[in-house]
Amino acid sequence: MDDQAEPAEPTGLRSPAPAPSTPSETRNSLPPYAAAFSAFYRECVPTLVAFLVWQGAHLPDATDIA
């Protein structure tokens, strides 16, 4: 009975790749379009939040919306 092969591991159960340990590793591993969007987002969000607050939104709601 020792000649039986073990069943193959299902592909959906493999553990994911380890996450980067520092934010700079995450930022450097982004595809170019994601890095460009990230820069755009960081540049525009404060203005958008200020606009939403000016329109009457509470600050926590404005940050959630942005």
PDB file of N, CA and C in Angstrom:
ATOM      1  N   MET A   1       0.805  -1.192   0.000  1.00  0.00           N
ATOM      2  CA  MET A   1       0.000   0.000   0.000  1.00  0.00           C
ATOM      3  C   MET A   1       0.849   1.258   0.000  1.00  0.00           C
ATOM      4  N   ASP A   2       2.149   1.157   0.144  1.00  0.00           N
ATOM      5  CA  ASP A   2       3.015   2.326   0.153  1.00  0.00           C
ATOM      6  C   ASP A   2       3.266   2.872  -1.237  1.00  0.00           C
ATOM      7  N   ASP A   3       2.811   2.162  -2.282  1.00  0.00           N
ATOM      8  CA  ASP A   3       3.072   2.584  -3.649  1.00  0.00           C
ATOM      9  C   ASP A   3       2.056   3.621  -4.150  1.00  0.00           C
ATOM     10  N   GLN A   4       1.086   3.996  -3.327  1.00  0.00           N
ATOM     11  CA  GLN A   4       0.071   4.948  -3.776  1.00  0.00           C
ATOM     12  C   GLN A   4       0.647   6.363  -3.794  1.00  0.00           C
ATOM     13  N   ALA A   5       0.355   7.078  -4.857  1.00  0.00           N
ATOM     14  CA  ALA A   5       0.817   8.462  -4.973  1.00  0.00           C
ATOM     15  C   ALA A   5      -0.120   9.374  -4.192  1.00  0.00           C
ATOM     16  N   GLU A   6       0.450  10.429  -3.639  1.00  0.00           N
ATOM     17  CA  GLU A   6      -0.375  11.398  -2.925  1.00  0.00           C
ATOM     18  C   GLU A   6      -1.145  12.242  -3.940  1.00  0.00           C
ATOM     19  N   PRO A   7      -2.359  12.643  -3.604  1.00  0.00           N
ATOM     20  CA  PRO A   7      -3.127  13.479  -4.535  1.00  0.00           C
ATOM     21  C   PRO A   7      -2.448  14.835  -4.708  1.00  0.00           C
ATOM     22  N   ALA A   8      -2.609  15.384  -5.889  1.00  0.00           N
ATOM     23  CA  ALA A   8      -2.023  16.694  -6.172  1.00  0.00           C
ATOM     24  C   ALA A   8      -2.748  17.758  -5.373  1.00  0.00           C
ATOM     25  N   GLU A   9      -2.012  18.804  -5.018  1.00  0.00           N
ATOM     26  CA  GLU A   9      -2.595  19.916  -4.266  1.00  0.00           C
ATOM     27  C   GLU A   9      -3.474  20.740  -5.207  1.00  0.00           C
ATOM     28  N   PRO A  10      -4.708  21.037  -4.801  1.00  0.00           N
ATOM     29  CA  PRO A  10      -5.564  21.874  -5.650  1.00  0.00           C
ATOM     30  C   PRO A  10      -4.935  23.255  -5.830  1.00  0.00           C
ATOM     31  N   THR A  11      -5.040  23.791  -7.032  1.00  0.00           N
ATOM     32  CA  THR A  11      -4.386  25.070  -7.315  1.00  0.00           C
ATOM     33  C   THR A  11      -4.997  26.223  -6.533  1.00  0.00           C
ATOM     34  N   GLY A  12      -6.242  26.185  -6.182  1.00  0.00           N
ATOM     35  CA  GLY A  12      -6.881  27.267  -5.451  1.00  0.00           C
ATOM     36  C   GLY A  12      -6.471  27.340  -3.999  1.00  0.00           C
ATOM     37  N   LEU A  13      -5.789  26.321  -3.475  1.00  0.00           N
ATOM     38  CA  LEU A  13      -5.436  26.293  -2.066  1.00  0.00           C
ATOM     39  C   LEU A  13      -3.994  26.702  -1.799  1.00  0.00           C
ATOM     40  N   ARG A  14      -3.263  27.042  -2.795  1.00  0.00           N
ATOM     41  CA  ARG A  14      -1.881  27.467  -2.577  1.00  0.00           C
ATOM     42  C   ARG A  14      -1.861  28.815  -1.878  1.00  0.00           C
ATOM     43  N   SER A  15      -0.869  29.015  -1.036  1.00  0.00           N
ATOM     44  CA  SER A  15      -0.781  30.279  -0.316  1.00  0.00           C
ATOM     45  C   SER A  15      -0.316  31.381  -1.260  1.00  0.00           C
ATOM     46  N   PRO A  16      -0.815  32.606  -1.056  1.00  0.00           N
ATOM     47  CA  PRO A  16      -0.421  33.715  -1.921  1.00  0.00           C
ATOM     48  C   PRO A  16       1.031  34.111  -1.676  1.00  0.00           C
ATOM     49  N   ALA A  17       1.569  34.879  -2.585  1.00  0.00           N
ATOM     50  CA  ALA A  17       2.934  35.361  -2.436  1.00  0.00           C
ATOM     51  C   ALA A  17       3.008  36.269  -1.213  1.00  0.00           C
ATOM     52  N   PRO A  18       4.128  36.292  -0.537  1.00  0.00           N
ATOM     53  CA  PRO A  18       4.234  37.143   0.653  1.00  0.00           C
ATOM     54  C   PRO A  18       4.119  38.618   0.277  1.00  0.00           C
ATOM     55  N   ALA A  19       3.488  39.386   1.162  1.00  0.00           N
ATOM     56  CA  ALA A  19       3.307  40.814   0.918  1.00  0.00           C
ATOM     57  C   ALA A  19       4.630  41.539   1.114  1.00  0.00           C
ATOM     58  N   PRO A  20       4.843  42.634   0.390  1.00  0.00           N
ATOM     59  CA  PRO A  20       6.060  43.420   0.586  1.00  0.00           C
ATOM     60  C   PRO A  20       6.111  43.934   2.017  1.00  0.00           C
ATOM     61  N   SER A  21       7.303  44.035   2.569  1.00  0.00           N
ATOM     62  CA  SER A  21       7.429  44.413   3.968  1.00  0.00           C
ATOM     63  C   SER A  21       7.442  45.911   4.181  1.00  0.00           C
ATOM     64  N   THR A  22       7.770  46.700   3.176  1.00  0.00           N
ATOM     65  CA  THR A  22       7.808  48.144   3.344  1.00  0.00           C
ATOM     66  C   THR A  22       6.968  48.818   2.272  1.00  0.00           C
ATOM     67  N   PRO A  23       6.456  50.015   2.564  1.00  0.00           N
ATOM     68  CA  PRO A  23       5.663  50.724   1.552  1.00  0.00           C
ATOM     69  C   PRO A  23       6.456  51.021   0.284  1.00  0.00           C
ATOM     70  N   SER A  24       7.754  51.257   0.401  1.00  0.00           N
ATOM     71  CA  SER A  24       8.536  51.555  -0.801  1.00  0.00           C
ATOM     72  C   SER A  24       8.598  50.345  -1.732  1.00  0.00           C
ATOM     73  N   GLU A  25       8.625  49.136  -1.162  1.00  0.00           N
ATOM     74  CA  GLU A  25       8.602  47.937  -2.007  1.00  0.00           C
ATOM     75  C   GLU A  25       7.284  47.843  -2.750  1.00  0.00           C
ATOM     76  N   THR A  26       6.190  48.208  -2.094  1.00  0.00           N
ATOM     77  CA  THR A  26       4.886  48.172  -2.736  1.00  0.00           C
ATOM     78  C   THR A  26       4.828  49.207  -3.849  1.00  0.00           C
ATOM     79  N   ARG A  27       5.300  50.408  -3.567  1.00  0.00           N
ATOM     80  CA  ARG A  27       5.254  51.477  -4.556  1.00  0.00           C
ATOM     81  C   ARG A  27       6.112  51.148  -5.768  1.00  0.00           C
ATOM     82  N   ASN A  28       7.282  50.542  -5.553  1.00  0.00           N
ATOM     83  CA  ASN A  28       8.176  50.218  -6.659  1.00  0.00           C
ATOM     84  C   ASN A  28       7.682  49.041  -7.479  1.00  0.00           C
ATOM     85  N   SER A  29       6.811  48.209  -6.923  1.00  0.00           N
ATOM     86  CA  SER A  29       6.355  47.034  -7.642  1.00  0.00           C
ATOM     87  C   SER A  29       5.061  47.299  -8.426  1.00  0.00           C
ATOM     88  N   LEU A  30       4.530  48.516  -8.350  1.00  0.00           N
ATOM     89  CA  LEU A  30       3.296  48.823  -9.070  1.00  0.00           C
ATOM     90  C   LEU A  30       3.569  48.950 -10.566  1.00  0.00           C
ATOM     91  N   PRO A  31       2.610  48.551 -11.384  1.00  0.00           N
ATOM     92  CA  PRO A  31       2.753  48.793 -12.820  1.00  0.00           C
ATOM     93  C   PRO A  31       2.736  50.302 -13.082  1.00  0.00           C
ATOM     94  N   PRO A  32       3.266  50.741 -14.203  1.00  0.00           N
ATOM     95  CA  PRO A  32       3.360  52.181 -14.468  1.00  0.00           C
ATOM     96  C   PRO A  32       2.024  52.919 -14.380  1.00  0.00           C
ATOM     97  N   TYR A  33       0.954  52.327 -14.888  1.00  0.00           N
ATOM     98  CA  TYR A  33      -0.338  53.012 -14.831  1.00  0.00           C
ATOM     99  C   TYR A  33      -0.834  53.151 -13.398  1.00  0.00           C
ATOM    100  N   ALA A  34      -0.536  52.179 -12.550  1.00  0.00           N
ATOM    101  CA  ALA A  34      -0.965  52.262 -11.156  1.00  0.00           C
ATOM    102  C   ALA A  34      -0.179  53.328 -10.411  1.00  0.00           C
ATOM    103  N   ALA A  35       1.112  53.437 -10.702  1.00  0.00           N
ATOM    104  CA  ALA A  35       1.927  54.471 -10.074  1.00  0.00           C
ATOM    105  C   ALA A  35       1.463  55.851 -10.512  1.00  0.00           C
ATOM    106  N   ALA A  36       1.108  55.994 -11.788  1.00  0.00           N
ATOM    107  CA  ALA A  36       0.625  57.277 -12.290  1.00  0.00           C
ATOM    108  C   ALA A  36      -0.713  57.635 -11.633  1.00  0.00           C
ATOM    109  N   PHE A  37      -1.605  56.659 -11.503  1.00  0.00           N
ATOM    110  CA  PHE A  37      -2.886  56.926 -10.861  1.00  0.00           C
ATOM    111  C   PHE A  37      -2.689  57.269  -9.390  1.00  0.00           C
ATOM    112  N   SER A  38      -1.774  56.581  -8.732  1.00  0.00           N
ATOM    113  CA  SER A  38      -1.495  56.855  -7.328  1.00  0.00           C
ATOM    114  C   SER A  38      -1.014  58.290  -7.139  1.00  0.00           C
ATOM    115  N   ALA A  39      -0.133  58.754  -8.008  1.00  0.00           N
ATOM    116  CA  ALA A  39       0.356  60.130  -7.932  1.00  0.00           C
ATOM    117  C   ALA A  39      -0.792  61.113  -8.177  1.00  0.00           C
ATOM    118  N   PHE A  40      -1.625  60.828  -9.176  1.00  0.00           N
ATOM    119  CA  PHE A  40      -2.789  61.668  -9.473  1.00  0.00           C
ATOM    120  C   PHE A  40      -3.726  61.722  -8.271  1.00  0.00           C
ATOM    121  N   TYR A  41      -3.999  60.582  -7.669  1.00  0.00           N
ATOM    122  CA  TYR A  41      -4.920  60.495  -6.533  1.00  0.00           C
ATOM    123  C   TYR A  41      -4.394  61.318  -5.361  1.00  0.00           C
ATOM    124  N   ARG A  42      -3.096  61.116  -5.030  1.00  0.00           N
ATOM    125  CA  ARG A  42      -2.510  61.853  -3.909  1.00  0.00           C
ATOM    126  C   ARG A  42      -2.518  63.356  -4.159  1.00  0.00           C
ATOM    127  N   GLU A  43      -2.398  63.768  -5.403  1.00  0.00           N
ATOM    128  CA  GLU A  43      -2.391  65.189  -5.733  1.00  0.00           C
ATOM    129  C   GLU A  43      -3.792  65.793  -5.666  1.00  0.00           C
ATOM    130  N   CYS A  44      -4.801  65.065  -6.089  1.00  0.00           N
ATOM    131  CA  CYS A  44      -6.154  65.625  -6.236  1.00  0.00           C
ATOM    132  C   CYS A  44      -7.071  65.428  -5.036  1.00  0.00           C
ATOM    133  N   VAL A  45      -6.810  64.462  -4.188  1.00  0.00           N
ATOM    134  CA  VAL A  45      -7.734  64.165  -3.090  1.00  0.00           C
ATOM    135  C   VAL A  45      -7.900  65.331  -2.119  1.00  0.00           C
ATOM    136  N   PRO A  46      -6.846  66.031  -1.700  1.00  0.00           N
ATOM    137  CA  PRO A  46      -7.081  67.137  -0.765  1.00  0.00           C
ATOM    138  C   PRO A  46      -8.023  68.207  -1.337  1.00  0.00           C
ATOM    139  N   THR A  47      -7.890  68.514  -2.614  1.00  0.00           N
ATOM    140  CA  THR A  47      -8.774  69.492  -3.239  1.00  0.00           C
ATOM    141  C   THR A  47     -10.202  68.968  -3.303  1.00  0.00           C
ATOM    142  N   LEU A  48     -10.360  67.704  -3.635  1.00  0.00           N
ATOM    143  CA  LEU A  48     -11.693  67.108  -3.692  1.00  0.00           C
ATOM    144  C   LEU A  48     -12.345  67.096  -2.315  1.00  0.00           C
ATOM    145  N   VAL A  49     -11.597  66.732  -1.291  1.00  0.00           N
ATOM    146  CA  VAL A  49     -12.141  66.714   0.070  1.00  0.00           C
ATOM    147  C   VAL A  49     -12.554  68.130   0.477  1.00  0.00           C
ATOM    148  N   ALA A  50     -11.724  69.118   0.194  1.00  0.00           N
ATOM    149  CA  ALA A  50     -12.058  70.501   0.534  1.00  0.00           C
ATOM    150  C   ALA A  50     -13.334  70.940  -0.185  1.00  0.00           C
ATOM    151  N   PHE A  51     -13.461  70.576  -1.449  1.00  0.00           N
ATOM    152  CA  PHE A  51     -14.667  70.920  -2.206  1.00  0.00           C
ATOM    153  C   PHE A  51     -15.905  70.287  -1.582  1.00  0.00           C
ATOM    154  N   LEU A  52     -15.805  69.024  -1.220  1.00  0.00           N
ATOM    155  CA  LEU A  52     -16.956  68.335  -0.632  1.00  0.00           C
ATOM    156  C   LEU A  52     -17.345  68.951   0.710  1.00  0.00           C
ATOM    157  N   VAL A  53     -16.356  69.337   1.514  1.00  0.00           N
ATOM    158  CA  VAL A  53     -16.644  69.993   2.791  1.00  0.00           C
ATOM    159  C   VAL A  53     -17.301  71.344   2.520  1.00  0.00           C
ATOM    160  N   TRP A  54     -16.808  72.066   1.525  1.00  0.00           N
ATOM    161  CA  TRP A  54     -17.390  73.362   1.158  1.00  0.00           C
ATOM    162  C   TRP A  54     -18.839  73.189   0.711  1.00  0.00           C
ATOM    163  N   GLN A  55     -19.153  72.068   0.089  1.00  0.00           N
ATOM    164  CA  GLN A  55     -20.515  71.789  -0.354  1.00  0.00           C
ATOM    165  C   GLN A  55     -21.424  71.325   0.782  1.00  0.00           C
ATOM    166  N   GLY A  56     -20.858  71.101   1.968  1.00  0.00           N
ATOM    167  CA  GLY A  56     -21.670  70.757   3.130  1.00  0.00           C
ATOM    168  C   GLY A  56     -21.443  69.383   3.709  1.00  0.00           C
ATOM    169  N   ALA A  57     -20.548  68.603   3.129  1.00  0.00           N
ATOM    170  CA  ALA A  57     -20.281  67.257   3.666  1.00  0.00           C
ATOM    171  C   ALA A  57     -19.438  67.367   4.932  1.00  0.00           C
ATOM    172  N   HIS A  58     -19.660  66.490   5.867  1.00  0.00           N
ATOM    173  CA  HIS A  58     -18.797  66.412   7.050  1.00  0.00           C
ATOM    174  C   HIS A  58     -17.467  65.818   6.625  1.00  0.00           C
ATOM    175  N   LEU A  59     -16.389  66.210   7.299  1.00  0.00           N
ATOM    176  CA  LEU A  59     -15.057  65.785   6.911  1.00  0.00           C
ATOM    177  C   LEU A  59     -14.926  64.268   6.798  1.00  0.00           C
ATOM    178  N   PRO A  60     -15.390  63.464   7.766  1.00  0.00           N
ATOM    179  CA  PRO A  60     -15.274  62.008   7.608  1.00  0.00           C
ATOM    180  C   PRO A  60     -16.025  61.484   6.366  1.00  0.00           C
ATOM    181  N   ASP A  61     -17.181  62.069   6.091  1.00  0.00           N
ATOM    182  CA  ASP A  61     -17.936  61.649   4.904  1.00  0.00           C
ATOM    183  C   ASP A  61     -17.201  62.051   3.626  1.00  0.00           C
ATOM    184  N   ALA A  62     -16.633  63.248   3.616  1.00  0.00           N
ATOM    185  CA  ALA A  62     -15.905  63.724   2.439  1.00  0.00           C
ATOM    186  C   ALA A  62     -14.691  62.850   2.161  1.00  0.00           C
ATOM    187  N   THR A  63     -13.969  62.436   3.193  1.00  0.00           N
ATOM    188  CA  THR A  63     -12.805  61.571   2.981  1.00  0.00           C
ATOM    189  C   THR A  63     -13.238  60.184   2.505  1.00  0.00           C
ATOM    190  N   ASP A  64     -14.365  59.696   3.000  1.00  0.00           N
ATOM    191  CA  ASP A  64     -14.873  58.410   2.517  1.00  0.00           C
ATOM    192  C   ASP A  64     -15.275  58.490   1.049  1.00  0.00           C
ATOM    193  N   ILE A  65     -15.921  59.580   0.680  1.00  0.00           N
ATOM    194  CA  ILE A  65     -16.355  59.758  -0.702  1.00  0.00           C
ATOM    195  C   ILE A  65     -15.153  59.825  -1.633  1.00  0.00           C
ATOM    196  N   ALA A  66     -14.149  60.593  -1.214  1.00  0.00           N
ATOM    197  CA  ALA A  66     -12.947  60.750  -2.057  1.00  0.00           C
ATOM    198  C   ALA A  66     -12.245  59.419  -2.195  1.00  0.00           C
TER     199      ALA A  66
END
